[in-house]
Protein backbone atom coordinates (compact mmCIF):
# COMPACT_ATOMS: atom_id res chain seq x y z
CA MET A 1 -55.06 -73.06 -49.86
CA MET A 2 -56.91 -76.30 -49.15
CA ASP A 3 -54.07 -78.81 -49.86
CA LEU A 4 -52.41 -79.17 -46.47
CA GLY A 5 -49.86 -81.77 -47.54
CA GLY A 6 -50.93 -84.65 -45.30
CA ASP A 7 -50.78 -84.29 -41.50
CA ASN A 8 -47.96 -81.72 -41.39
CA LYS A 9 -48.72 -79.57 -38.32
CA THR A 10 -46.73 -76.60 -39.57
CA LEU A 11 -48.70 -76.46 -42.80
CA ARG A 12 -51.93 -76.75 -40.84
CA ALA A 13 -50.84 -73.93 -38.57
CA PHE A 14 -49.97 -71.71 -41.53
CA TYR A 15 -53.24 -72.57 -43.19
CA LEU A 16 -55.16 -71.57 -40.07
CA ILE A 17 -53.15 -68.34 -39.73
CA SER A 18 -53.84 -67.45 -43.37
CA LEU A 19 -57.50 -68.34 -42.94
CA VAL A 20 -57.80 -66.16 -39.83
CA ILE A 21 -56.06 -63.26 -41.58
CA SER A 22 -58.35 -63.67 -44.61
CA ILE A 23 -61.47 -63.74 -42.46
CA GLY A 24 -60.27 -60.81 -40.35
CA PHE A 25 -59.40 -58.76 -43.43
CA THR A 26 -62.77 -59.56 -45.02
CA LEU A 27 -64.61 -58.61 -41.82
CA LEU A 28 -62.63 -55.38 -41.61
CA ILE A 29 -63.57 -54.47 -45.18
CA ALA A 30 -67.22 -55.51 -44.66
CA CYS A 31 -67.59 -53.53 -41.40
CA SER A 32 -65.95 -50.46 -42.91
CA LEU A 33 -68.21 -50.69 -45.95
CA ALA A 34 -71.31 -51.06 -43.77
CA LEU A 35 -70.36 -47.99 -41.74
CA ILE A 36 -69.77 -45.90 -44.86
CA PHE A 37 -73.07 -47.07 -46.39
CA ARG A 38 -74.82 -46.05 -43.19
CA TYR A 39 -73.15 -42.65 -43.34
CA GLU A 40 -74.30 -42.24 -46.96
CA ARG A 41 -77.88 -42.93 -45.87
CA VAL A 42 -77.64 -40.33 -43.12
CA GLU A 43 -76.23 -37.81 -45.59
CA VAL A 44 -79.07 -38.39 -48.06
CA MET A 45 -81.67 -37.97 -45.32
CA ALA A 46 -79.99 -34.73 -44.23
CA LEU A 47 -80.07 -33.37 -47.80
CA ALA A 48 -83.78 -34.19 -48.15
CA ARG A 49 -84.54 -32.64 -44.77
CA ASN A 50 -82.63 -29.46 -45.69
CA GLU A 51 -84.61 -29.09 -48.91
CA ALA A 52 -87.89 -29.60 -47.05
CA ALA A 53 -86.86 -27.08 -44.38
CA SER A 54 -85.86 -24.55 -47.06
CA THR A 55 -89.26 -24.92 -48.73
CA PHE A 56 -90.98 -24.48 -45.38
CA ASN A 57 -88.93 -21.36 -44.60
CA LYS A 58 -89.80 -19.92 -48.02
CA ASP A 59 -93.50 -20.56 -47.37
CA GLN A 60 -93.25 -19.02 -43.91
CA ALA A 61 -91.56 -15.89 -45.26
CA PHE A 62 -94.28 -15.57 -47.90
CA ARG A 63 -97.01 -16.07 -45.28
CA SER A 64 -95.44 -13.52 -42.91
CA TRP A 65 -95.30 -10.94 -45.69
CA ALA A 66 -98.94 -11.56 -46.63
CA THR A 67 -100.03 -11.47 -42.97
CA MET A 68 -98.14 -8.24 -42.40
CA HIS A 69 -100.17 -6.62 -45.22
CA GLY A 70 -103.46 -8.25 -44.22
CA GLY A 71 -103.72 -10.01 -47.57
CA VAL A 72 -103.82 -8.59 -51.10
CA TYR A 73 -106.53 -7.75 -53.64
CA VAL A 74 -106.45 -9.59 -56.98
CA PRO A 75 -108.80 -9.69 -59.97
CA MET A 76 -111.61 -12.21 -59.70
CA THR A 77 -111.07 -15.17 -62.05
CA ALA A 78 -112.33 -18.72 -62.37
CA ASN A 79 -109.22 -19.91 -60.53
CA THR A 80 -109.49 -17.14 -57.92
CA PRO A 81 -113.13 -16.69 -56.99
CA PRO A 82 -114.16 -14.75 -53.85
CA ASN A 83 -113.21 -16.67 -50.73
CA PRO A 84 -116.44 -17.81 -49.03
CA TYR A 85 -114.59 -17.98 -45.70
CA LEU A 86 -114.03 -14.20 -45.85
CA SER A 87 -117.72 -13.32 -46.42
CA HIS A 88 -117.87 -11.71 -42.95
CA ILE A 89 -115.39 -9.04 -44.08
CA PRO A 90 -117.28 -6.01 -45.52
CA GLU A 91 -114.54 -5.12 -47.99
CA ARG A 92 -113.83 -8.64 -49.22
CA ASP A 93 -114.86 -7.59 -52.76
CA ILE A 94 -114.21 -4.10 -54.13
CA THR A 95 -114.28 -2.29 -57.45
CA SER A 96 -111.23 -0.39 -58.65
CA PRO A 97 -111.53 3.14 -60.04
CA SER A 98 -111.24 1.63 -63.51
CA GLY A 99 -114.15 -0.70 -62.85
CA ARG A 100 -112.25 -3.95 -62.27
CA ARG A 101 -113.73 -6.32 -59.75
CA LEU A 102 -111.16 -7.27 -57.07
CA THR A 103 -111.38 -9.82 -54.27
CA LEU A 104 -109.31 -10.12 -51.08
CA MET A 105 -106.88 -13.06 -50.79
CA ASN A 106 -105.94 -13.89 -47.20
CA PRO A 107 -102.42 -15.34 -46.43
CA ALA A 108 -103.62 -18.96 -46.33
CA TYR A 109 -105.40 -18.58 -49.70
CA MET A 110 -102.24 -17.03 -51.21
CA MET A 111 -99.97 -19.77 -49.78
CA LYS A 112 -102.23 -22.49 -51.11
CA GLN A 113 -102.04 -21.17 -54.68
CA ALA A 114 -98.28 -20.50 -54.39
CA MET A 115 -97.74 -24.08 -53.20
CA MET A 116 -99.64 -25.42 -56.22
CA VAL A 117 -97.39 -23.42 -58.57
CA TYR A 118 -94.27 -24.60 -56.70
CA HIS A 119 -95.42 -28.22 -57.04
CA ASP A 120 -95.98 -27.84 -60.80
CA LEU A 121 -92.49 -26.33 -61.22
CA TYR A 122 -90.38 -28.46 -58.86
CA GLY A 123 -92.46 -31.47 -57.78
CA ILE A 124 -92.34 -30.44 -54.10
CA THR A 125 -95.74 -30.40 -52.43
CA GLY A 126 -96.76 -28.04 -49.65
CA HIS A 127 -99.99 -28.22 -47.67
CA ILE A 128 -101.53 -26.02 -44.97
CA THR A 129 -103.57 -28.21 -42.64
CA SER A 130 -105.17 -28.23 -39.22
CA LEU A 131 -107.06 -30.52 -36.85
CA ASN A 132 -109.77 -27.81 -36.91
CA PRO A 133 -109.64 -26.53 -40.51
CA LEU A 134 -111.72 -23.56 -41.58
CA ASN A 135 -111.67 -24.89 -45.15
CA PRO A 136 -112.47 -28.63 -45.58
CA ASP A 137 -109.85 -28.74 -48.35
CA ASN A 138 -107.24 -28.19 -45.63
CA ALA A 139 -108.24 -31.33 -43.70
CA PRO A 140 -105.19 -33.52 -42.84
CA ASP A 141 -104.44 -36.94 -44.28
CA ALA A 142 -103.53 -39.83 -41.94
CA TRP A 143 -99.82 -38.89 -41.70
CA GLU A 144 -100.57 -35.21 -41.24
CA ARG A 145 -103.05 -35.97 -38.48
CA LYS A 146 -100.41 -37.88 -36.50
CA ALA A 147 -97.91 -35.08 -37.12
CA LEU A 148 -100.37 -32.41 -35.95
CA GLU A 149 -101.08 -34.40 -32.79
CA ALA A 150 -97.32 -34.59 -32.13
CA LEU A 151 -96.97 -30.82 -32.67
CA SER A 152 -99.80 -30.18 -30.24
CA ARG A 153 -97.85 -32.21 -27.64
CA GLY A 154 -94.89 -29.85 -27.98
CA GLU A 155 -92.81 -31.38 -30.81
CA LYS A 156 -90.89 -28.71 -32.76
CA GLU A 157 -91.04 -30.60 -36.06
CA VAL A 158 -92.02 -34.01 -37.42
CA THR A 159 -90.17 -35.83 -40.23
CA GLU A 160 -90.48 -39.27 -41.82
CA VAL A 161 -89.86 -41.06 -45.12
CA ALA A 162 -93.24 -42.39 -46.20
CA GLU A 163 -94.67 -44.22 -49.20
CA LEU A 164 -97.43 -42.51 -51.18
CA ASN A 165 -98.92 -43.86 -54.40
CA GLY A 166 -95.95 -46.17 -54.87
CA SER A 167 -93.31 -43.43 -54.44
CA SER A 168 -91.17 -42.43 -51.48
CA TYR A 169 -91.38 -38.93 -50.04
CA PHE A 170 -89.60 -37.12 -47.25
CA ARG A 171 -92.45 -35.67 -45.21
CA PHE A 172 -91.82 -32.64 -43.03
CA MET A 173 -94.11 -30.57 -40.84
CA LYS A 174 -93.68 -27.65 -38.46
CA PRO A 175 -96.35 -25.75 -36.54
CA MET A 176 -98.19 -22.70 -37.88
CA ILE A 177 -98.37 -20.05 -35.14
CA THR A 178 -101.28 -17.60 -35.01
CA GLN A 179 -100.27 -13.99 -35.65
CA ASP A 180 -102.26 -10.75 -35.33
CA GLY A 181 -103.04 -10.77 -39.04
CA CYS A 182 -104.47 -14.30 -38.78
CA LEU A 183 -107.24 -13.25 -36.38
CA LYS A 184 -108.98 -11.42 -39.21
CA CYS A 185 -110.07 -14.81 -40.59
CA HIS A 186 -109.56 -17.22 -37.70
CA GLY A 187 -110.55 -15.14 -34.71
CA LEU A 188 -114.08 -16.53 -35.03
CA GLN A 189 -112.64 -20.03 -34.36
CA GLY A 190 -111.42 -18.93 -30.93
CA TYR A 191 -107.72 -18.65 -31.78
CA LYS A 192 -105.51 -16.13 -30.00
CA LYS A 193 -102.11 -14.77 -30.96
CA GLY A 194 -99.39 -17.39 -30.28
CA ASP A 195 -101.72 -20.40 -30.57
CA ILE A 196 -100.75 -23.37 -32.77
CA ARG A 197 -103.40 -23.11 -35.46
CA GLY A 198 -102.16 -26.10 -37.44
CA GLY A 199 -99.10 -26.99 -39.48
CA VAL A 200 -97.42 -26.54 -42.82
CA GLY A 201 -96.41 -29.83 -44.38
CA VAL A 202 -93.85 -30.39 -47.14
CA MET A 203 -93.35 -33.52 -49.27
CA VAL A 204 -90.00 -33.86 -51.06
CA PRO A 205 -89.67 -36.71 -53.62
CA MET A 206 -86.91 -39.09 -52.51
CA ALA A 207 -86.23 -40.48 -56.00
CA PRO A 208 -83.36 -38.04 -56.87
CA TYR A 209 -81.72 -38.55 -53.47
CA GLN A 210 -82.10 -42.34 -53.66
CA ALA A 211 -80.48 -42.27 -57.10
CA LEU A 212 -77.58 -40.22 -55.68
CA GLU A 213 -77.21 -42.64 -52.77
CA LYS A 214 -77.20 -45.61 -55.16
CA ARG A 215 -74.47 -44.07 -57.34
CA ASN A 216 -72.32 -43.29 -54.31
CA LYS A 217 -72.72 -46.78 -52.90
CA ILE A 218 -71.80 -48.41 -56.21
CA PHE A 219 -68.61 -46.32 -56.43
CA ILE A 220 -67.65 -46.98 -52.82
CA GLY A 221 -68.50 -50.69 -53.10
CA LEU A 222 -66.31 -51.09 -56.20
CA SER A 223 -63.44 -49.29 -54.44
CA PHE A 224 -63.69 -51.59 -51.42
CA LEU A 225 -63.98 -54.64 -53.68
CA PHE A 226 -60.76 -53.56 -55.38
CA VAL A 227 -58.97 -53.18 -52.02
CA TRP A 228 -60.35 -56.52 -50.79
CA SER A 229 -59.26 -58.29 -54.00
CA LEU A 230 -55.73 -56.92 -53.68
CA GLY A 231 -55.56 -57.92 -50.02
CA MET A 232 -56.84 -61.46 -50.62
CA THR A 233 -54.41 -61.88 -53.53
CA ALA A 234 -51.53 -60.80 -51.29
CA ILE A 235 -52.59 -63.20 -48.53
CA GLY A 236 -52.93 -66.07 -50.99
CA PHE A 237 -49.55 -65.32 -52.56
CA GLY A 238 -47.92 -65.20 -49.13
CA TYR A 239 -49.46 -68.52 -48.14
CA VAL A 240 -48.40 -70.25 -51.35
CA LYS A 241 -44.89 -68.88 -51.01
CA ALA A 242 -44.57 -69.96 -47.39
CA ARG A 243 -46.14 -73.38 -48.08
CA SER A 244 -43.62 -74.02 -50.82
CA GLY A 245 -40.79 -73.18 -48.43
CA ILE A 246 -42.23 -75.40 -45.70
CA LEU A 247 -42.54 -78.34 -48.09
CA GLU A 248 -38.94 -77.88 -49.07
CA GLN A 249 -38.03 -77.75 -45.39
CA GLN A 250 -39.99 -80.96 -44.78
CA LYS A 251 -38.05 -82.75 -47.50
CA GLY A 252 -34.80 -81.61 -45.93
CA GLU A 253 -35.88 -82.77 -42.48
CA ASP A 254 -36.89 -86.19 -43.82
CA GLU A 255 -33.51 -86.53 -45.47
CA ILE A 256 -31.75 -85.54 -42.23
CA ARG A 257 -33.72 -88.11 -40.22
CA ARG A 258 -32.85 -90.84 -42.71
CA LEU A 259 -29.15 -89.94 -42.68
CA ASN A 260 -29.11 -89.59 -38.89
CA ALA A 261 -29.94 -93.30 -38.55
CA VAL A 262 -26.82 -94.09 -40.60
CA LEU A 263 -24.33 -91.49 -39.49
CA GLU A 264 -24.30 -89.48 -36.24
CA GLN A 265 -22.33 -86.69 -37.91
CA ARG A 266 -25.43 -85.63 -39.83
CA VAL A 267 -26.85 -84.22 -36.57
CA ILE A 268 -24.93 -80.99 -37.25
CA GLU A 269 -26.51 -80.64 -40.70
CA ARG A 270 -29.94 -81.42 -39.31
CA THR A 271 -29.51 -78.73 -36.62
CA ALA A 272 -28.46 -76.16 -39.23
CA GLN A 273 -31.49 -76.91 -41.40
CA LEU A 274 -33.84 -76.72 -38.41
CA THR A 275 -32.38 -73.32 -37.50
CA ALA A 276 -32.96 -72.06 -41.03
CA ALA A 277 -36.48 -73.45 -40.96
CA ASN A 278 -37.26 -71.59 -37.72
CA LYS A 279 -36.10 -68.35 -39.28
CA GLU A 280 -38.37 -69.03 -42.23
CA LEU A 281 -41.28 -69.61 -39.85
CA GLU A 282 -40.69 -66.22 -38.24
CA ALA A 283 -40.38 -64.61 -41.68
CA PHE A 284 -43.87 -65.78 -42.63
CA ALA A 285 -45.64 -63.09 -40.66
CA TYR A 286 -43.38 -60.44 -42.18
CA SER A 287 -44.05 -61.86 -45.65
CA ILE A 288 -47.78 -61.48 -45.07
CA SER A 289 -47.21 -57.94 -43.83
CA HIS A 290 -45.10 -57.02 -46.86
CA ASP A 291 -47.57 -58.48 -49.34
CA LEU A 292 -50.42 -56.57 -47.67
CA ARG A 293 -48.51 -53.31 -47.52
CA ALA A 294 -47.52 -53.30 -51.21
CA PRO A 295 -51.09 -52.92 -52.58
CA LEU A 296 -51.93 -50.46 -49.80
CA ARG A 297 -48.96 -48.30 -50.77
CA SER A 298 -50.06 -48.48 -54.40
CA ILE A 299 -53.59 -47.39 -53.52
CA ASP A 300 -52.30 -44.53 -51.36
CA GLY A 301 -49.75 -43.46 -53.96
CA PHE A 302 -52.16 -43.44 -56.88
CA SER A 303 -54.76 -41.65 -54.75
CA LEU A 304 -52.17 -38.97 -53.89
CA ALA A 305 -51.27 -38.68 -57.58
CA LEU A 306 -54.93 -38.16 -58.46
CA GLN A 307 -55.25 -35.46 -55.79
CA GLU A 308 -52.14 -33.59 -56.94
CA GLU A 309 -52.38 -33.98 -60.74
CA TYR A 310 -56.13 -34.03 -61.32
CA ARG A 311 -57.27 -31.71 -58.51
CA GLU A 312 -58.88 -29.24 -60.93
CA LYS A 313 -60.72 -32.03 -62.79
CA LEU A 314 -62.32 -33.44 -59.64
CA ASP A 315 -65.30 -31.88 -57.93
CA ASP A 316 -65.53 -31.62 -54.15
CA GLU A 317 -67.29 -34.97 -53.93
CA GLY A 318 -64.54 -36.74 -55.90
CA GLY A 319 -61.87 -35.12 -53.73
CA ASP A 320 -63.72 -36.31 -50.63
CA TYR A 321 -63.78 -39.86 -51.98
CA LEU A 322 -59.99 -39.78 -52.50
CA ASN A 323 -59.46 -38.44 -48.98
CA ARG A 324 -61.52 -41.33 -47.61
CA VAL A 325 -59.57 -43.92 -49.62
CA ARG A 326 -56.21 -42.49 -48.43
CA ALA A 327 -57.33 -42.34 -44.80
CA ALA A 328 -58.59 -45.94 -44.96
CA THR A 329 -55.31 -47.28 -46.44
CA GLN A 330 -53.21 -45.45 -43.83
CA ARG A 331 -55.35 -46.80 -40.99
CA MET A 332 -55.06 -50.30 -42.45
CA GLY A 333 -51.25 -49.97 -42.57
CA GLN A 334 -51.20 -49.01 -38.90
CA LEU A 335 -53.49 -51.94 -38.13
CA ILE A 336 -51.07 -54.35 -39.85
CA ASP A 337 -48.17 -53.03 -37.73
CA ASP A 338 -50.17 -53.46 -34.52
CA LEU A 339 -51.27 -56.97 -35.47
CA LEU A 340 -47.66 -57.99 -36.09
CA GLN A 341 -46.59 -56.61 -32.72
CA LEU A 342 -49.42 -58.52 -31.08
CA SER A 343 -48.47 -61.77 -32.85
CA ARG A 344 -44.77 -61.42 -31.92
CA LEU A 345 -45.66 -61.57 -28.24
CA ASN A 346 -46.69 -65.20 -28.67
CA ARG A 347 -43.29 -66.15 -30.20
CA SER A 348 -40.92 -64.28 -27.91
CA GLU A 349 -39.42 -65.80 -24.77
CA THR A 350 -39.75 -64.18 -21.35
CA ASN A 351 -36.40 -63.34 -19.70
CA ILE A 352 -37.04 -62.67 -15.99
CA VAL A 353 -34.49 -60.31 -14.37
CA PRO A 354 -34.65 -57.38 -11.91
CA VAL A 355 -36.16 -54.33 -13.63
CA ASP A 356 -36.08 -50.66 -12.56
CA LEU A 357 -39.59 -49.53 -13.52
CA SER A 358 -38.95 -45.95 -12.34
CA ARG A 359 -36.03 -45.61 -14.76
CA ILE A 360 -38.11 -46.97 -17.65
CA ALA A 361 -40.94 -44.56 -16.78
CA ARG A 362 -38.56 -41.58 -16.81
CA GLU A 363 -37.15 -42.62 -20.19
CA VAL A 364 -40.61 -43.02 -21.73
CA ALA A 365 -41.72 -39.65 -20.32
CA SER A 366 -38.61 -37.98 -21.79
CA GLU A 367 -39.34 -39.50 -25.22
CA LEU A 368 -42.91 -38.18 -25.13
CA ARG A 369 -41.73 -34.68 -24.18
CA ASN A 370 -39.12 -34.63 -26.96
CA ALA A 371 -41.65 -35.83 -29.53
CA HIS A 372 -44.24 -33.22 -28.49
CA PRO A 373 -42.43 -30.22 -26.99
CA GLU A 374 -45.54 -28.04 -27.45
CA ARG A 375 -47.49 -30.03 -24.83
CA ARG A 376 -47.41 -28.78 -21.21
CA ILE A 377 -47.80 -32.10 -19.45
CA SER A 378 -45.94 -32.81 -16.21
CA PHE A 379 -44.95 -36.27 -14.96
CA ARG A 380 -44.96 -37.44 -11.34
CA ILE A 381 -42.89 -40.66 -11.18
CA ALA A 382 -42.25 -42.46 -7.91
CA GLU A 383 -38.63 -43.42 -7.25
CA GLY A 384 -37.28 -46.86 -6.42
CA LEU A 385 -40.02 -48.95 -8.05
CA ASN A 386 -38.38 -52.29 -8.90
CA ALA A 387 -39.87 -55.57 -10.08
CA ALA A 388 -38.91 -58.93 -11.56
CA GLY A 389 -39.76 -59.32 -15.22
CA ASP A 390 -38.65 -59.12 -18.83
CA PRO A 391 -37.19 -55.60 -19.31
CA ASN A 392 -38.07 -55.39 -23.00
CA LEU A 393 -41.67 -56.50 -22.52
CA LEU A 394 -42.20 -54.29 -19.47
CA ARG A 395 -40.89 -51.34 -21.44
CA VAL A 396 -43.60 -52.06 -24.04
CA VAL A 397 -46.16 -51.99 -21.18
CA MET A 398 -44.90 -48.61 -19.94
CA GLU A 399 -44.76 -47.15 -23.47
CA ASN A 400 -48.36 -48.15 -24.20
CA LEU A 401 -49.79 -46.97 -20.86
CA PHE A 402 -47.92 -43.65 -20.95
CA ALA A 403 -48.82 -43.09 -24.63
CA ASN A 404 -52.44 -43.84 -23.75
CA ALA A 405 -52.42 -41.27 -20.94
CA TRP A 406 -50.61 -38.74 -23.14
CA LYS A 407 -53.12 -39.17 -25.97
CA PHE A 408 -56.27 -38.83 -23.85
CA THR A 409 -55.02 -35.67 -22.14
CA GLY A 410 -54.58 -34.07 -25.57
CA GLU A 411 -57.63 -31.83 -25.18
CA LYS A 412 -56.13 -30.10 -22.11
CA GLU A 413 -53.50 -27.36 -22.22
CA GLU A 414 -51.97 -28.63 -18.99
CA GLY A 415 -52.12 -31.89 -17.08
CA THR A 416 -50.27 -34.44 -14.99
CA ILE A 417 -49.45 -38.09 -15.65
CA GLU A 418 -48.49 -40.10 -12.56
CA PHE A 419 -46.71 -43.44 -12.15
CA GLY A 420 -46.63 -45.05 -8.71
CA VAL A 421 -47.43 -48.08 -6.59
CA THR A 422 -50.11 -48.88 -4.02
CA ASP A 423 -51.17 -51.87 -1.97
CA ILE A 424 -54.34 -53.69 -3.04
CA ASP A 425 -55.31 -56.91 -1.24
CA GLY A 426 -51.76 -57.28 0.05
CA LYS A 427 -50.17 -57.03 -3.42
CA SER A 428 -47.91 -54.33 -4.77
CA THR A 429 -49.99 -52.79 -7.52
CA TYR A 430 -48.44 -50.36 -9.99
CA PHE A 431 -50.54 -47.67 -11.66
CA VAL A 432 -50.46 -45.01 -14.39
CA ARG A 433 -52.93 -42.17 -13.76
CA ASP A 434 -53.95 -39.27 -16.03
CA GLU A 435 -56.35 -36.30 -15.97
CA GLY A 436 -57.72 -36.83 -19.48
CA VAL A 437 -61.15 -37.55 -20.91
CA GLY A 438 -61.61 -40.78 -18.93
CA PHE A 439 -64.19 -43.39 -19.87
CA ASP A 440 -67.54 -44.82 -18.78
CA MET A 441 -67.03 -47.82 -16.46
CA ALA A 442 -70.08 -49.44 -18.07
CA TYR A 443 -67.77 -50.24 -21.01
CA SER A 444 -64.72 -51.29 -18.97
CA ASP A 445 -65.04 -54.89 -20.23
CA LYS A 446 -64.08 -53.67 -23.71
CA LEU A 447 -60.85 -51.90 -22.68
CA PHE A 448 -58.48 -54.79 -23.39
CA ALA A 449 -60.32 -56.45 -26.29
CA PRO A 450 -58.49 -56.06 -29.62
CA PHE A 451 -59.93 -53.38 -31.93
CA GLN A 452 -62.38 -52.15 -29.28
CA ARG A 453 -62.44 -48.35 -28.93
CA LEU A 454 -64.39 -46.20 -26.47
CA HIS A 455 -63.73 -42.98 -28.41
CA GLY A 456 -64.16 -42.09 -32.09
CA TYR A 457 -61.14 -42.28 -34.41
CA ASP A 458 -61.58 -38.60 -35.36
CA GLU A 459 -61.25 -37.62 -31.68
CA PHE A 460 -58.32 -39.88 -30.71
CA PRO A 461 -56.56 -41.85 -33.48
CA GLY A 462 -55.51 -45.45 -32.83
CA THR A 463 -56.27 -49.07 -33.69
CA GLY A 464 -57.41 -50.41 -30.33
CA ILE A 465 -54.45 -52.83 -30.03
CA GLY A 466 -52.25 -51.11 -27.39
CA LEU A 467 -54.13 -52.23 -24.27
CA SER A 468 -54.47 -55.76 -25.70
CA ILE A 469 -50.66 -55.91 -25.92
CA VAL A 470 -50.37 -54.65 -22.34
CA GLN A 471 -52.76 -57.32 -21.09
CA ARG A 472 -50.91 -60.16 -22.84
CA ILE A 473 -47.54 -59.06 -21.44
CA ILE A 474 -48.91 -58.70 -17.90
CA HIS A 475 -50.57 -62.14 -18.13
CA ARG A 476 -47.24 -63.65 -19.25
CA HIS A 477 -45.78 -62.26 -16.04
CA GLY A 478 -48.53 -63.94 -14.01
CA GLY A 479 -50.16 -60.61 -13.16
CA GLU A 480 -53.44 -58.81 -13.75
CA VAL A 481 -54.31 -55.45 -15.36
CA TRP A 482 -57.47 -53.36 -15.13
CA GLY A 483 -58.65 -49.80 -15.60
CA VAL A 484 -60.76 -47.39 -13.56
CA GLY A 485 -62.11 -44.16 -15.02
CA GLU A 486 -64.79 -41.51 -15.04
CA VAL A 487 -65.90 -39.47 -18.03
CA GLY A 488 -64.18 -36.08 -18.00
CA LYS A 489 -62.12 -36.87 -14.89
CA GLY A 490 -59.32 -39.07 -16.20
CA ALA A 491 -58.39 -42.75 -15.92
CA THR A 492 -56.08 -44.99 -13.90
CA PHE A 493 -54.65 -48.29 -15.15
CA TYR A 494 -53.42 -50.77 -12.49
CA PHE A 495 -51.22 -53.86 -12.99
CA THR A 496 -49.52 -56.48 -10.86
CA LEU A 497 -46.43 -58.62 -11.59
CA ASN A 498 -45.57 -62.08 -10.27
CA GLY A 499 -42.31 -62.56 -12.18
CA GLY A 500 -43.69 -64.48 -15.22
């Protein structure tokens, strides 16, 4: 794609178009990949947090049971000697009728031993700790101390991924609330029922989750690399094909110019070749579109085949990956269509004639009703609104503005879309007003920028091209367009026309 064939402006223009498409496609793939990688990280953190919370809940249930019974008696062993912190309890140590020596285990003592067993079995560490521990073994480490201080300030829980001895752990802590059964041991410390006595911390090893995240990212990255490779191949093929045609056209034009100096009759032939060349120029964009759509259709088709024919062989995670691939290819196809529509505006001529905007508005409203008969949206369209402009382009403006209003009132069972005119600074200013979700005026500068969206794709599908098309058409008519909105209270889009 670097050989431009001398100073030929057409070849340079096609080279720049292909380069822009390549860069745009690469950026689209890179941004999508970055977003998905970020989502994978959030998912991994959520899984680790859920496991930590489950461990905490298990410990709390065990502690509540032990507290409800005031502790349990167990045989004295080397691993379970009498608890020195229960020496003030007269019946700490008893003898069973058979002569066995038993000692009382309070809930904290029981939880501590249970946590040690759980760590040996599953590698998950639990620790009861406090800023004022009764047992020095329960003193907090540096992270736990900061977490306990945060809990004492009213935090409900504290989480963080931290390094410990060269390994990553998801650290989790929630407060330990004093209950009636706790006062048996901790009443001497001044605690009352309901006080935060300390916290229960959980450390979940991140290694298994990091390995899962790495596997997912490798799979997703290879899938996106495959899509990117197909797209770049299609763009390159389209450029080479168009370049070859342009070079052939150039040879024909040179021949026409040479013959024109000898014989005036060759002007007719030259005109015919120029006409054919112009058609070929317009076909370039469609060639690019076709070559991009072919691999996208293949990806979508094979993904659908995998879903239908190998559904039972795929787990839920594999099915989710296929859903994501299909959704991404369909959105990319829509993006290609919108880009072509945007590019065609630069090539079309503006034909200024009288235009009945009220009639166009009624036709567009009727099309929306017929396409979505289940919606109960009413239209209020002012009569007699006429302007000077290109009827085809102004119809595109009305279609996009009405479709925008229709889409963003989708969450309401009933609503009204209004088209009218007002006077602003002495100019007739047309407007389309809806009662939909509206938008924050702090982001109004992004409304007409290509690909900019103020709402998530899952909420309101779209590519972010429609308002960019509206702005370009209005500017070609010498007018201005802007939007005014408020979150939850709808939006109004204004535009002026000066005839082009």
